[in-house]
PDB file of N, CA and C in Angstrom:
ATOM      1  N   MET A   1     102.005 152.478 116.442  1.00  0.00           N
ATOM      2  CA  MET A   1     101.474 152.339 115.631  1.00  0.00           C
ATOM      3  C   MET A   1     101.997 151.033 114.314  1.00  0.00           C
ATOM      4  N   THR A   2     101.710 149.906 113.784  1.00  0.00           N
ATOM      5  CA  THR A   2     101.443 148.934 112.978  1.00  0.00           C
ATOM      6  C   THR A   2     101.992 149.698 111.980  1.00  0.00           C
ATOM      7  N   LEU A   3     102.006 148.538 111.306  1.00  0.00           N
ATOM      8  CA  LEU A   3     101.769 148.533 109.707  1.00  0.00           C
ATOM      9  C   LEU A   3     100.243 148.475 109.135  1.00  0.00           C
ATOM     10  N   PHE A   4      99.576 147.892 109.844  1.00  0.00           N
ATOM     11  CA  PHE A   4      98.043 147.970 109.678  1.00  0.00           C
ATOM     12  C   PHE A   4      97.268 148.975 110.886  1.00  0.00           C
ATOM     13  N   GLY A   5      97.583 149.656 111.344  1.00  0.00           N
ATOM     14  CA  GLY A   5      97.291 151.153 111.880  1.00  0.00           C
ATOM     15  C   GLY A   5      97.280 150.498 113.808  1.00  0.00           C
ATOM     16  N   ALA A   6      96.409 151.081 114.270  1.00  0.00           N
ATOM     17  CA  ALA A   6      96.182 150.965 115.135  1.00  0.00           C
ATOM     18  C   ALA A   6      95.953 148.806 115.843  1.00  0.00           C
ATOM     19  N   ILE A   7      95.994 148.528 115.107  1.00  0.00           N
ATOM     20  CA  ILE A   7      95.475 146.970 115.866  1.00  0.00           C
ATOM     21  C   ILE A   7      96.341 145.826 114.417  1.00  0.00           C
ATOM     22  N   ALA A   8      97.053 144.944 115.534  1.00  0.00           N
ATOM     23  CA  ALA A   8      97.731 144.389 114.459  1.00  0.00           C
ATOM     24  C   ALA A   8      96.983 143.854 113.484  1.00  0.00           C
ATOM     25  N   SER A   9      97.418 142.777 112.486  1.00  0.00           N
ATOM     26  CA  SER A   9      96.784 141.899 111.996  1.00  0.00           C
ATOM     27  C   SER A   9      97.338 140.571 112.507  1.00  0.00           C
ATOM     28  N   PRO A  10      96.734 139.681 112.526  1.00  0.00           N
ATOM     29  CA  PRO A  10      96.931 138.606 113.188  1.00  0.00           C
ATOM     30  C   PRO A  10      97.834 137.681 111.903  1.00  0.00           C
ATOM     31  N   VAL A  11      97.266 137.793 111.151  1.00  0.00           N
ATOM     32  CA  VAL A  11      97.495 136.291 109.898  1.00  0.00           C
ATOM     33  C   VAL A  11      98.810 136.791 109.584  1.00  0.00           C
ATOM     34  N   ASN A  12      99.506 135.544 109.810  1.00  0.00           N
ATOM     35  CA  ASN A  12     100.245 134.492 109.218  1.00  0.00           C
ATOM     36  C   ASN A  12     100.827 133.794 108.817  1.00  0.00           C
ATOM     37  N   ARG A  13     100.246 133.540 107.590  1.00  0.00           N
ATOM     38  CA  ARG A  13     100.036 131.970 107.286  1.00  0.00           C
ATOM     39  C   ARG A  13     101.008 131.675 105.822  1.00  0.00           C
ATOM     40  N   LEU A  14     101.445 130.521 105.985  1.00  0.00           N
ATOM     41  CA  LEU A  14     102.343 130.309 103.993  1.00  0.00           C
ATOM     42  C   LEU A  14     101.075 129.346 103.969  1.00  0.00           C
ATOM     43  N   GLU A  15     101.477 128.940 102.084  1.00  0.00           N
ATOM     44  CA  GLU A  15     101.435 127.202 101.385  1.00  0.00           C
ATOM     45  C   GLU A  15     101.846 127.546 101.254  1.00  0.00           C
ATOM     46  N   LEU A  16     102.806 126.930 100.357  1.00  0.00           N
ATOM     47  CA  LEU A  16     104.360 126.376  99.668  1.00  0.00           C
ATOM     48  C   LEU A  16     103.562 124.968  99.248  1.00  0.00           C
ATOM     49  N   VAL A  17     103.721 124.649  97.508  1.00  0.00           N
ATOM     50  CA  VAL A  17     104.482 123.736  96.950  1.00  0.00           C
ATOM     51  C   VAL A  17     105.820 123.414  97.190  1.00  0.00           C
ATOM     52  N   ALA A  18     106.387 122.400  97.983  1.00  0.00           N
ATOM     53  CA  ALA A  18     107.715 122.353  97.451  1.00  0.00           C
ATOM     54  C   ALA A  18     108.442 120.903  97.734  1.00  0.00           C
ATOM     55  N   THR A  19     109.549 120.893  97.539  1.00  0.00           N
ATOM     56  CA  THR A  19     110.201 119.318  97.869  1.00  0.00           C
ATOM     57  C   THR A  19     110.904 119.497  98.893  1.00  0.00           C
ATOM     58  N   LEU A  20     110.951 118.263  99.652  1.00  0.00           N
ATOM     59  CA  LEU A  20     111.774 118.198 100.707  1.00  0.00           C
ATOM     60  C   LEU A  20     113.561 118.071 100.698  1.00  0.00           C
ATOM     61  N   ALA A  21     113.822 119.318 100.873  1.00  0.00           N
ATOM     62  CA  ALA A  21     115.769 118.977  99.652  1.00  0.00           C
ATOM     63  C   ALA A  21     116.791 119.158 101.052  1.00  0.00           C
ATOM     64  N   GLN A  22     116.361 119.405 102.392  1.00  0.00           N
ATOM     65  CA  GLN A  22     117.115 118.555 102.990  1.00  0.00           C
ATOM     66  C   GLN A  22     116.606 118.396 104.296  1.00  0.00           C
ATOM     67  N   CYS A  23     117.317 117.635 105.386  1.00  0.00           N
ATOM     68  CA  CYS A  23     116.553 116.734 106.535  1.00  0.00           C
ATOM     69  C   CYS A  23     117.767 117.044 107.347  1.00  0.00           C
ATOM     70  N   ALA A  24     117.864 118.155 108.305  1.00  0.00           N
ATOM     71  CA  ALA A  24     118.999 117.530 109.900  1.00  0.00           C
ATOM     72  C   ALA A  24     118.921 116.409 109.972  1.00  0.00           C
ATOM     73  N   PRO A  25     119.059 115.380 111.415  1.00  0.00           N
ATOM     74  CA  PRO A  25     118.876 114.621 112.148  1.00  0.00           C
ATOM     75  C   PRO A  25     117.851 114.773 113.387  1.00  0.00           C
ATOM     76  N   MET A  26     117.112 114.671 113.684  1.00  0.00           N
ATOM     77  CA  MET A  26     116.219 114.989 115.104  1.00  0.00           C
ATOM     78  C   MET A  26     116.972 115.249 116.012  1.00  0.00           C
ATOM     79  N   ARG A  27     116.315 116.016 116.455  1.00  0.00           N
ATOM     80  CA  ARG A  27     117.107 116.600 118.200  1.00  0.00           C
ATOM     81  C   ARG A  27     115.534 116.344 118.843  1.00  0.00           C
ATOM     82  N   TYR A  28     115.554 117.102 119.761  1.00  0.00           N
ATOM     83  CA  TYR A  28     114.737 117.179 121.206  1.00  0.00           C
ATOM     84  C   TYR A  28     114.288 118.512 122.236  1.00  0.00           C
ATOM     85  N   THR A  29     113.547 118.879 122.242  1.00  0.00           N
ATOM     86  CA  THR A  29     113.831 120.575 122.897  1.00  0.00           C
ATOM     87  C   THR A  29     114.390 119.980 124.627  1.00  0.00           C
ATOM     88  N   PRO A  30     114.427 121.480 124.828  1.00  0.00           N
ATOM     89  CA  PRO A  30     114.566 120.831 126.608  1.00  0.00           C
ATOM     90  C   PRO A  30     113.981 119.910 126.835  1.00  0.00           C
ATOM     91  N   ALA A  31     111.983 120.314 126.555  1.00  0.00           N
ATOM     92  CA  ALA A  31     111.261 119.855 126.983  1.00  0.00           C
ATOM     93  C   ALA A  31     110.503 118.323 126.166  1.00  0.00           C
ATOM     94  N   GLY A  32     111.524 117.856 125.974  1.00  0.00           N
ATOM     95  CA  GLY A  32     111.808 116.799 125.231  1.00  0.00           C
ATOM     96  C   GLY A  32     111.039 116.843 123.293  1.00  0.00           C
ATOM     97  N   ILE A  33     109.708 117.718 123.397  1.00  0.00           N
ATOM     98  CA  ILE A  33     109.575 117.518 122.308  1.00  0.00           C
ATOM     99  C   ILE A  33     110.466 117.660 121.255  1.00  0.00           C
ATOM    100  N   PRO A  34     110.804 116.385 120.090  1.00  0.00           N
ATOM    101  CA  PRO A  34     111.319 116.117 118.770  1.00  0.00           C
ATOM    102  C   PRO A  34     110.848 117.674 118.072  1.00  0.00           C
ATOM    103  N   ALA A  35     112.532 117.609 117.359  1.00  0.00           N
ATOM    104  CA  ALA A  35     112.202 118.928 116.860  1.00  0.00           C
ATOM    105  C   ALA A  35     113.288 118.400 115.117  1.00  0.00           C
ATOM    106  N   LEU A  36     112.487 118.814 113.655  1.00  0.00           N
ATOM    107  CA  LEU A  36     113.515 118.437 112.729  1.00  0.00           C
ATOM    108  C   LEU A  36     113.632 119.648 111.875  1.00  0.00           C
ATOM    109  N   ASP A  37     115.028 119.897 111.654  1.00  0.00           N
ATOM    110  CA  ASP A  37     115.315 121.592 110.786  1.00  0.00           C
ATOM    111  C   ASP A  37     115.641 120.604 109.513  1.00  0.00           C
ATOM    112  N   LEU A  38     114.533 121.905 108.444  1.00  0.00           N
ATOM    113  CA  LEU A  38     114.424 120.984 107.197  1.00  0.00           C
ATOM    114  C   LEU A  38     115.204 122.765 106.213  1.00  0.00           C
ATOM    115  N   TRP A  39     115.162 121.521 104.965  1.00  0.00           N
ATOM    116  CA  TRP A  39     114.968 122.645 103.800  1.00  0.00           C
ATOM    117  C   TRP A  39     114.388 122.602 103.162  1.00  0.00           C
ATOM    118  N   LEU A  40     114.114 123.706 102.365  1.00  0.00           N
ATOM    119  CA  LEU A  40     112.490 123.484 100.880  1.00  0.00           C
ATOM    120  C   LEU A  40     113.220 124.471  99.839  1.00  0.00           C
ATOM    121  N   GLU A  41     112.669 123.289  99.044  1.00  0.00           N
ATOM    122  CA  GLU A  41     113.059 123.813  97.686  1.00  0.00           C
ATOM    123  C   GLU A  41     111.746 124.145  97.027  1.00  0.00           C
ATOM    124  N   HIS A  42     111.485 125.571  96.428  1.00  0.00           N
ATOM    125  CA  HIS A  42     110.563 126.043  95.416  1.00  0.00           C
ATOM    126  C   HIS A  42     110.689 125.889  93.962  1.00  0.00           C
ATOM    127  N   ALA A  43     109.872 125.727  92.994  1.00  0.00           N
ATOM    128  CA  ALA A  43     110.114 126.507  91.669  1.00  0.00           C
ATOM    129  C   ALA A  43     108.591 126.433  90.725  1.00  0.00           C
ATOM    130  N   SER A  44     108.615 127.428  90.416  1.00  0.00           N
ATOM    131  CA  SER A  44     107.529 127.388  89.411  1.00  0.00           C
ATOM    132  C   SER A  44     107.617 129.114  88.663  1.00  0.00           C
ATOM    133  N   GLU A  45     106.252 129.252  87.836  1.00  0.00           N
ATOM    134  CA  GLU A  45     106.470 130.230  87.129  1.00  0.00           C
ATOM    135  C   GLU A  45     104.737 131.009  87.831  1.00  0.00           C
ATOM    136  N   GLN A  46     105.090 132.364  88.011  1.00  0.00           N
ATOM    137  CA  GLN A  46     103.562 133.084  88.912  1.00  0.00           C
ATOM    138  C   GLN A  46     104.070 134.436  87.458  1.00  0.00           C
ATOM    139  N   VAL A  47     102.573 135.189  87.553  1.00  0.00           N
ATOM    140  CA  VAL A  47     102.269 135.942  87.260  1.00  0.00           C
ATOM    141  C   VAL A  47     102.077 137.412  87.946  1.00  0.00           C
ATOM    142  N   GLU A  48     103.078 137.790  87.728  1.00  0.00           N
ATOM    143  CA  GLU A  48     103.179 139.340  87.930  1.00  0.00           C
ATOM    144  C   GLU A  48     103.467 140.606  87.092  1.00  0.00           C
ATOM    145  N   ALA A  49     102.421 141.552  88.184  1.00  0.00           N
ATOM    146  CA  ALA A  49     102.254 142.752  86.931  1.00  0.00           C
ATOM    147  C   ALA A  49     101.596 142.130  85.189  1.00  0.00           C
ATOM    148  N   GLY A  50     101.188 141.196  84.833  1.00  0.00           N
ATOM    149  CA  GLY A  50     100.454 140.880  83.890  1.00  0.00           C
ATOM    150  C   GLY A  50     101.677 140.071  83.170  1.00  0.00           C
ATOM    151  N   TYR A  51     102.551 139.815  83.541  1.00  0.00           N
ATOM    152  CA  TYR A  51     103.990 139.673  82.995  1.00  0.00           C
ATOM    153  C   TYR A  51     104.364 137.496  83.924  1.00  0.00           C
ATOM    154  N   PRO A  52     104.564 136.343  82.618  1.00  0.00           N
ATOM    155  CA  PRO A  52     105.047 135.295  83.817  1.00  0.00           C
ATOM    156  C   PRO A  52     106.586 135.636  84.691  1.00  0.00           C
ATOM    157  N   ARG A  53     106.516 135.020  85.253  1.00  0.00           N
ATOM    158  CA  ARG A  53     108.030 135.633  86.362  1.00  0.00           C
ATOM    159  C   ARG A  53     108.587 133.745  86.280  1.00  0.00           C
ATOM    160  N   GLN A  54     109.923 133.967  86.254  1.00  0.00           N
ATOM    161  CA  GLN A  54     109.968 132.386  87.065  1.00  0.00           C
ATOM    162  C   GLN A  54     110.305 132.587  88.308  1.00  0.00           C
ATOM    163  N   VAL A  55     110.302 131.919  89.137  1.00  0.00           N
ATOM    164  CA  VAL A  55     110.301 131.629  90.841  1.00  0.00           C
ATOM    165  C   VAL A  55     111.196 130.456  90.715  1.00  0.00           C
ATOM    166  N   ALA A  56     112.533 130.990  91.931  1.00  0.00           N
ATOM    167  CA  ALA A  56     112.903 129.909  93.015  1.00  0.00           C
ATOM    168  C   ALA A  56     113.515 129.817  93.877  1.00  0.00           C
ATOM    169  N   LEU A  57     113.446 129.595  95.422  1.00  0.00           N
ATOM    170  CA  LEU A  57     113.443 130.147  96.185  1.00  0.00           C
ATOM    171  C   LEU A  57     114.129 128.386  96.895  1.00  0.00           C
ATOM    172  N   ARG A  58     114.919 128.878  97.813  1.00  0.00           N
ATOM    173  CA  ARG A  58     115.366 127.657  99.128  1.00  0.00           C
ATOM    174  C   ARG A  58     114.752 128.181 100.316  1.00  0.00           C
ATOM    175  N   LEU A  59     113.689 127.482 101.079  1.00  0.00           N
ATOM    176  CA  LEU A  59     113.485 128.167 102.366  1.00  0.00           C
ATOM    177  C   LEU A  59     113.730 127.225 103.508  1.00  0.00           C
ATOM    178  N   LYS A  60     114.028 128.299 104.545  1.00  0.00           N
ATOM    179  CA  LYS A  60     114.922 126.435 105.768  1.00  0.00           C
ATOM    180  C   LYS A  60     113.502 126.870 106.787  1.00  0.00           C
ATOM    181  N   ALA A  61     113.167 125.426 107.398  1.00  0.00           N
ATOM    182  CA  ALA A  61     111.333 125.428 108.666  1.00  0.00           C
ATOM    183  C   ALA A  61     112.006 125.118 108.647  1.00  0.00           C
ATOM    184  N   VAL A  62     110.899 124.716 109.995  1.00  0.00           N
ATOM    185  CA  VAL A  62     111.069 124.062 111.304  1.00  0.00           C
ATOM    186  C   VAL A  62     109.972 122.990 111.796  1.00  0.00           C
ATOM    187  N   ALA A  63     109.701 122.040 111.658  1.00  0.00           N
ATOM    188  CA  ALA A  63     109.104 121.056 112.239  1.00  0.00           C
ATOM    189  C   ALA A  63     108.976 120.287 114.147  1.00  0.00           C
ATOM    190  N   PHE A  64     107.882 120.892 114.530  1.00  0.00           N
ATOM    191  CA  PHE A  64     108.219 119.714 115.898  1.00  0.00           C
ATOM    192  C   PHE A  64     107.039 119.470 116.054  1.00  0.00           C
ATOM    193  N   GLY A  65     106.643 118.444 116.979  1.00  0.00           N
ATOM    194  CA  GLY A  65     106.184 117.033 117.390  1.00  0.00           C
ATOM    195  C   GLY A  65     105.859 115.794 116.693  1.00  0.00           C
ATOM    196  N   ALA A  66     104.035 115.944 116.293  1.00  0.00           N
ATOM    197  CA  ALA A  66     104.356 115.055 115.029  1.00  0.00           C
ATOM    198  C   ALA A  66     104.499 114.848 113.961  1.00  0.00           C
ATOM    199  N   GLN A  67     104.574 116.633 113.439  1.00  0.00           N
ATOM    200  CA  GLN A  67     104.923 116.403 112.208  1.00  0.00           C
ATOM    201  C   GLN A  67     105.914 116.162 111.975  1.00  0.00           C
ATOM    202  N   ALA A  68     107.276 116.508 113.330  1.00  0.00           N
ATOM    203  CA  ALA A  68     108.538 116.363 113.053  1.00  0.00           C
ATOM    204  C   ALA A  68     108.896 114.691 112.625  1.00  0.00           C
ATOM    205  N   GLU A  69     107.703 114.129 114.157  1.00  0.00           N
ATOM    206  CA  GLU A  69     108.062 112.883 113.764  1.00  0.00           C
ATOM    207  C   GLU A  69     107.940 112.251 112.220  1.00  0.00           C
ATOM    208  N   ARG A  70     106.147 112.466 112.042  1.00  0.00           N
ATOM    209  CA  ARG A  70     105.987 112.282 110.076  1.00  0.00           C
ATOM    210  C   ARG A  70     107.342 112.660 109.593  1.00  0.00           C
ATOM    211  N   LEU A  71     107.679 113.506 108.994  1.00  0.00           N
ATOM    212  CA  LEU A  71     108.657 114.142 108.178  1.00  0.00           C
ATOM    213  C   LEU A  71     110.151 113.330 108.302  1.00  0.00           C
ATOM    214  N   ALA A  72     110.566 113.130 109.344  1.00  0.00           N
ATOM    215  CA  ALA A  72     111.205 112.202 109.024  1.00  0.00           C
ATOM    216  C   ALA A  72     111.346 110.906 108.630  1.00  0.00           C
ATOM    217  N   ALA A  73     110.087 110.404 108.041  1.00  0.00           N
ATOM    218  CA  ALA A  73     109.531 108.984 107.477  1.00  0.00           C
ATOM    219  C   ALA A  73     109.959 109.484 106.211  1.00  0.00           C
ATOM    220  N   GLN A  74     109.923 111.076 105.815  1.00  0.00           N
ATOM    221  CA  GLN A  74     109.937 111.379 103.938  1.00  0.00           C
ATOM    222  C   GLN A  74     110.657 111.248 103.677  1.00  0.00           C
ATOM    223  N   ALA A  75     111.198 111.301 102.192  1.00  0.00           N
ATOM    224  CA  ALA A  75     111.880 110.558 101.797  1.00  0.00           C
ATOM    225  C   ALA A  75     112.636 112.767 100.890  1.00  0.00           C
ATOM    226  N   LEU A  76     113.564 112.801 101.270  1.00  0.00           N
ATOM    227  CA  LEU A  76     114.521 113.493 100.452  1.00  0.00           C
ATOM    228  C   LEU A  76     113.673 113.582  98.572  1.00  0.00           C
ATOM    229  N   GLY A  77     113.589 115.035  98.363  1.00  0.00           N
ATOM    230  CA  GLY A  77     112.874 115.034  96.523  1.00  0.00           C
ATOM    231  C   GLY A  77     111.604 114.700  96.793  1.00  0.00           C
ATOM    232  N   THR A  78     110.771 114.615  97.671  1.00  0.00           N
ATOM    233  CA  THR A  78     109.205 114.215  97.528  1.00  0.00           C
ATOM    234  C   THR A  78     108.527 116.033  97.429  1.00  0.00           C
ATOM    235  N   ALA A  79     107.621 115.519  97.308  1.00  0.00           N
ATOM    236  CA  ALA A  79     107.060 116.848  96.782  1.00  0.00           C
ATOM    237  C   ALA A  79     105.796 117.091  97.651  1.00  0.00           C
ATOM    238  N   LEU A  80     105.553 118.052  98.315  1.00  0.00           N
ATOM    239  CA  LEU A  80     105.082 118.631  99.265  1.00  0.00           C
ATOM    240  C   LEU A  80     103.838 119.744  99.063  1.00  0.00           C
ATOM    241  N   TRP A  81     102.730 119.372 100.035  1.00  0.00           N
ATOM    242  CA  TRP A  81     102.131 120.616 100.424  1.00  0.00           C
ATOM    243  C   TRP A  81     102.177 120.822 101.436  1.00  0.00           C
ATOM    244  N   TRP A  82     102.786 122.269 101.763  1.00  0.00           N
ATOM    245  CA  TRP A  82     103.011 122.808 102.862  1.00  0.00           C
ATOM    246  C   TRP A  82     102.120 124.110 103.662  1.00  0.00           C
ATOM    247  N   THR A  83     101.877 124.014 104.827  1.00  0.00           N
ATOM    248  CA  THR A  83     100.949 124.683 105.073  1.00  0.00           C
ATOM    249  C   THR A  83     102.185 125.258 106.895  1.00  0.00           C
ATOM    250  N   GLY A  84     101.645 126.700 106.875  1.00  0.00           N
ATOM    251  CA  GLY A  84     102.628 126.989 108.480  1.00  0.00           C
ATOM    252  C   GLY A  84     102.276 129.159 108.732  1.00  0.00           C
ATOM    253  N   PHE A  85     103.606 129.018 109.299  1.00  0.00           N
ATOM    254  CA  PHE A  85     103.583 130.397 109.281  1.00  0.00           C
ATOM    255  C   PHE A  85     105.037 130.916 109.535  1.00  0.00           C
ATOM    256  N   MET A  86     105.659 131.914 109.204  1.00  0.00           N
ATOM    257  CA  MET A  86     106.113 132.503 108.996  1.00  0.00           C
ATOM    258  C   MET A  86     107.157 133.293 110.509  1.00  0.00           C
ATOM    259  N   SER A  87     107.981 133.032 111.304  1.00  0.00           N
ATOM    260  CA  SER A  87     109.471 133.495 111.785  1.00  0.00           C
ATOM    261  C   SER A  87     110.214 134.234 111.744  1.00  0.00           C
ATOM    262  N   SER A  88     110.959 134.642 111.764  1.00  0.00           N
ATOM    263  CA  SER A  88     112.309 134.797 113.126  1.00  0.00           C
ATOM    264  C   SER A  88     113.806 134.201 113.136  1.00  0.00           C
ATOM    265  N   ALA A  89     114.235 134.174 112.482  1.00  0.00           N
ATOM    266  CA  ALA A  89     115.738 132.730 112.709  1.00  0.00           C
ATOM    267  C   ALA A  89     115.851 133.290 113.899  1.00  0.00           C
ATOM    268  N   ARG A  90     116.236 131.798 114.539  1.00  0.00           N
ATOM    269  CA  ARG A  90     116.536 132.322 116.119  1.00  0.00           C
ATOM    270  C   ARG A  90     117.678 133.411 116.696  1.00  0.00           C
ATOM    271  N   ARG A  91     118.720 133.251 115.966  1.00  0.00           N
ATOM    272  CA  ARG A  91     119.386 134.761 115.882  1.00  0.00           C
ATOM    273  C   ARG A  91     119.337 135.716 115.301  1.00  0.00           C
ATOM    274  N   GLY A  92     118.092 136.018 114.384  1.00  0.00           N
ATOM    275  CA  GLY A  92     117.929 136.991 113.722  1.00  0.00           C
ATOM    276  C   GLY A  92     118.238 136.979 112.505  1.00  0.00           C
ATOM    277  N   ASN A  93     118.703 136.206 112.671  1.00  0.00           N
ATOM    278  CA  ASN A  93     118.966 136.296 110.773  1.00  0.00           C
ATOM    279  C   ASN A  93     118.553 135.177 110.058  1.00  0.00           C
ATOM    280  N   GLY A  94     116.875 136.483 108.794  1.00  0.00           N
ATOM    281  CA  GLY A  94     116.270 135.850 108.188  1.00  0.00           C
ATOM    282  C   GLY A  94     115.020 135.176 109.154  1.00  0.00           C
ATOM    283  N   VAL A  95     114.219 134.107 107.747  1.00  0.00           N
ATOM    284  CA  VAL A  95     112.995 133.687 108.394  1.00  0.00           C
ATOM    285  C   VAL A  95     113.550 132.414 108.601  1.00  0.00           C
ATOM    286  N   VAL A  96     112.364 131.378 109.361  1.00  0.00           N
ATOM    287  CA  VAL A  96     112.076 130.455 109.258  1.00  0.00           C
ATOM    288  C   VAL A  96     110.864 129.711 109.071  1.00  0.00           C
ATOM    289  N   PHE A  97     110.590 129.225 108.296  1.00  0.00           N
ATOM    290  CA  PHE A  97     108.689 128.128 108.386  1.00  0.00           C
ATOM    291  C   PHE A  97     108.302 127.576 109.203  1.00  0.00           C
ATOM    292  N   HIS A  98     107.268 127.936 109.501  1.00  0.00           N
ATOM    293  CA  HIS A  98     106.835 126.973 110.593  1.00  0.00           C
ATOM    294  C   HIS A  98     106.066 125.511 110.505  1.00  0.00           C
ATOM    295  N   VAL A  99     106.335 124.512 110.533  1.00  0.00           N
ATOM    296  CA  VAL A  99     105.625 123.775 109.318  1.00  0.00           C
ATOM    297  C   VAL A  99     104.567 123.271 110.532  1.00  0.00           C
ATOM    298  N   GLN A 100     103.881 123.848 110.316  1.00  0.00           N
ATOM    299  CA  GLN A 100     101.974 122.771 110.969  1.00  0.00           C
ATOM    300  C   GLN A 100     101.141 121.664 110.286  1.00  0.00           C
ATOM    301  N   ASP A 101     101.592 121.946 108.701  1.00  0.00           N
ATOM    302  CA  ASP A 101     100.627 120.552 108.495  1.00  0.00           C
ATOM    303  C   ASP A 101     101.633 120.496 106.953  1.00  0.00           C
ATOM    304  N   PHE A 102     101.582 119.434 105.921  1.00  0.00           N
ATOM    305  CA  PHE A 102     102.264 118.561 105.172  1.00  0.00           C
ATOM    306  C   PHE A 102     101.427 117.494 104.611  1.00  0.00           C
ATOM    307  N   LYS A 103     101.307 117.474 103.739  1.00  0.00           N
ATOM    308  CA  LYS A 103     100.387 116.377 102.770  1.00  0.00           C
ATOM    309  C   LYS A 103     100.924 116.101 101.602  1.00  0.00           C
ATOM    310  N   PRO A 104     100.841 114.636 100.430  1.00  0.00           N
ATOM    311  CA  PRO A 104     101.651 114.707  99.207  1.00  0.00           C
ATOM    312  C   PRO A 104     100.664 115.259  98.202  1.00  0.00           C
ATOM    313  N   ILE A 105     101.070 116.425  96.839  1.00  0.00           N
ATOM    314  CA  ILE A 105     100.199 115.889  95.839  1.00  0.00           C
ATOM    315  C   ILE A 105     100.761 115.786  94.881  1.00  0.00           C
TER     316      ILE A 105
END
């Protein structure tokens, strides 16, 4: 049984406006695909239970292929609208945001 009953929900999508805070040097997978490890920072005010709440977070992210190559050209501190999905980190510690697309805001 899953959280959603007998059939698991396939929805795993995240949209976030965040700045590109840190970018590791480009690396390549064993298959030769470009990969870029990133850290994103977000700060905003959200309404929760009818009350405003200040939210700030730092999120580990990764991009592959053409997205990694495009991101390597972005300046640190650039605010972007990010879309992608969440996954467990390689060693099981925390989560990683997998970037599928980004655009300037």
